[in-house]
């Protein structure tokens, strides 16, 4: 089932389609839509997952890194 994601990239509102078949989560989908390579981000995320005891550290890292890339207000659209 296809869904839609709304987000802001460098102060420009955007909206894209999302499918679990193509992307692991909405963050991978928006990075792909903007042509951003996540290879370094994924390596660091994996290291944080291995060393942290909870998911809060990974979530905080993800939120901070995507904010540095220029993303904000990332949400699924309810239909």
C-alpha atoms as a PDB file:
ATOM      1  CA  UNK A   1       0.000   0.000   0.000  1.00  0.00           C
ATOM      2  CA  UNK A   2       1.429   3.354  -1.017  1.00  0.00           C
ATOM      3  CA  UNK A   3       1.559   6.250   1.417  1.00  0.00           C
ATOM      4  CA  UNK A   4       2.602   9.860   1.154  1.00  0.00           C
ATOM      5  CA  UNK A   5       5.289  11.732   3.070  1.00  0.00           C
ATOM      6  CA  UNK A   6       5.442  15.457   3.587  1.00  0.00           C
ATOM      7  CA  UNK A   7       8.672  17.178   4.616  1.00  0.00           C
ATOM      8  CA  UNK A   8      10.619  20.382   4.325  1.00  0.00           C
ATOM      9  CA  UNK A   9      14.008  20.386   2.614  1.00  0.00           C
ATOM     10  CA  UNK A  10      16.053  23.576   2.876  1.00  0.00           C
ATOM     11  CA  UNK A  11      12.912  25.587   3.680  1.00  0.00           C
ATOM     12  CA  UNK A  12      11.021  24.201   0.664  1.00  0.00           C
ATOM     13  CA  UNK A  13       7.913  22.085   1.427  1.00  0.00           C
ATOM     14  CA  UNK A  14       7.866  18.778  -0.464  1.00  0.00           C
ATOM     15  CA  UNK A  15       5.615  15.743  -0.762  1.00  0.00           C
ATOM     16  CA  UNK A  16       6.481  12.289  -2.127  1.00  0.00           C
ATOM     17  CA  UNK A  17       5.017   8.797  -2.406  1.00  0.00           C
ATOM     18  CA  UNK A  18       6.318   6.111  -0.070  1.00  0.00           C
ATOM     19  CA  UNK A  19       6.221   2.346  -0.443  1.00  0.00           C
ATOM     20  CA  UNK A  20       7.667  -0.221   1.985  1.00  0.00           C
ATOM     21  CA  UNK A  21       8.640  -2.288  -1.072  1.00  0.00           C
ATOM     22  CA  UNK A  22      11.234   0.292  -2.128  1.00  0.00           C
ATOM     23  CA  UNK A  23      12.438   1.921   1.090  1.00  0.00           C
ATOM     24  CA  UNK A  24      13.217   0.754   4.620  1.00  0.00           C
ATOM     25  CA  UNK A  25      11.652   3.828   6.224  1.00  0.00           C
ATOM     26  CA  UNK A  26      10.548   7.341   5.396  1.00  0.00           C
ATOM     27  CA  UNK A  27      14.007   8.775   6.046  1.00  0.00           C
ATOM     28  CA  UNK A  28      15.554   6.625   3.320  1.00  0.00           C
ATOM     29  CA  UNK A  29      12.757   7.640   0.956  1.00  0.00           C
ATOM     30  CA  UNK A  30      13.256  11.375   1.430  1.00  0.00           C
ATOM     31  CA  UNK A  31      17.029  11.075   1.104  1.00  0.00           C
ATOM     32  CA  UNK A  32      16.585   9.154  -2.154  1.00  0.00           C
ATOM     33  CA  UNK A  33      14.105  11.764  -3.417  1.00  0.00           C
ATOM     34  CA  UNK A  34      16.692  14.496  -2.829  1.00  0.00           C
ATOM     35  CA  UNK A  35      19.630  12.456  -4.178  1.00  0.00           C
ATOM     36  CA  UNK A  36      21.526  12.277  -0.889  1.00  0.00           C
ATOM     37  CA  UNK A  37      24.001   9.438  -0.329  1.00  0.00           C
ATOM     38  CA  UNK A  38      23.430   7.860   3.084  1.00  0.00           C
ATOM     39  CA  UNK A  39      26.382   5.438   3.143  1.00  0.00           C
ATOM     40  CA  UNK A  40      28.345   7.311   5.866  1.00  0.00           C
ATOM     41  CA  UNK A  41      25.176   7.951   7.840  1.00  0.00           C
ATOM     42  CA  UNK A  42      24.238   4.242   7.737  1.00  0.00           C
ATOM     43  CA  UNK A  43      27.695   3.190   8.977  1.00  0.00           C
ATOM     44  CA  UNK A  44      27.482   5.543  11.932  1.00  0.00           C
ATOM     45  CA  UNK A  45      23.896   4.527  12.669  1.00  0.00           C
ATOM     46  CA  UNK A  46      24.962   0.885  12.770  1.00  0.00           C
ATOM     47  CA  UNK A  47      27.775   1.695  15.220  1.00  0.00           C
ATOM     48  CA  UNK A  48      25.359   3.563  17.475  1.00  0.00           C
ATOM     49  CA  UNK A  49      22.902   0.633  17.369  1.00  0.00           C
ATOM     50  CA  UNK A  50      25.655  -1.760  18.451  1.00  0.00           C
ATOM     51  CA  UNK A  51      26.918   0.398  21.325  1.00  0.00           C
ATOM     52  CA  UNK A  52      23.714   1.883  22.734  1.00  0.00           C
ATOM     53  CA  UNK A  53      21.293   0.102  25.021  1.00  0.00           C
ATOM     54  CA  UNK A  54      18.105   1.707  23.724  1.00  0.00           C
ATOM     55  CA  UNK A  55      16.595   3.055  20.559  1.00  0.00           C
ATOM     56  CA  UNK A  56      16.578   6.640  21.869  1.00  0.00           C
ATOM     57  CA  UNK A  57      20.246   7.168  20.959  1.00  0.00           C
ATOM     58  CA  UNK A  58      19.649   6.027  17.372  1.00  0.00           C
ATOM     59  CA  UNK A  59      16.534   8.177  17.085  1.00  0.00           C
ATOM     60  CA  UNK A  60      18.358  11.252  18.420  1.00  0.00           C
ATOM     61  CA  UNK A  61      21.283  10.676  16.041  1.00  0.00           C
ATOM     62  CA  UNK A  62      18.902  10.284  13.082  1.00  0.00           C
ATOM     63  CA  UNK A  63      16.963  13.444  13.933  1.00  0.00           C
ATOM     64  CA  UNK A  64      20.148  15.504  14.359  1.00  0.00           C
ATOM     65  CA  UNK A  65      21.792  14.222  11.169  1.00  0.00           C
ATOM     66  CA  UNK A  66      18.727  14.792   9.003  1.00  0.00           C
ATOM     67  CA  UNK A  67      18.377  18.301  10.446  1.00  0.00           C
ATOM     68  CA  UNK A  68      22.032  18.959   9.465  1.00  0.00           C
ATOM     69  CA  UNK A  69      21.226  17.745   5.927  1.00  0.00           C
ATOM     70  CA  UNK A  70      18.436  20.324   5.726  1.00  0.00           C
ATOM     71  CA  UNK A  71      15.348  18.218   6.467  1.00  0.00           C
ATOM     72  CA  UNK A  72      12.594  19.142   8.893  1.00  0.00           C
ATOM     73  CA  UNK A  73       8.898  18.478   9.570  1.00  0.00           C
ATOM     74  CA  UNK A  74       8.950  14.880   8.289  1.00  0.00           C
ATOM     75  CA  UNK A  75       5.558  13.184   8.552  1.00  0.00           C
ATOM     76  CA  UNK A  76       3.374  10.537   6.964  1.00  0.00           C
ATOM     77  CA  UNK A  77       0.180  11.992   5.530  1.00  0.00           C
ATOM     78  CA  UNK A  78      -2.984  10.364   6.849  1.00  0.00           C
ATOM     79  CA  UNK A  79      -5.474   9.619   4.102  1.00  0.00           C
END
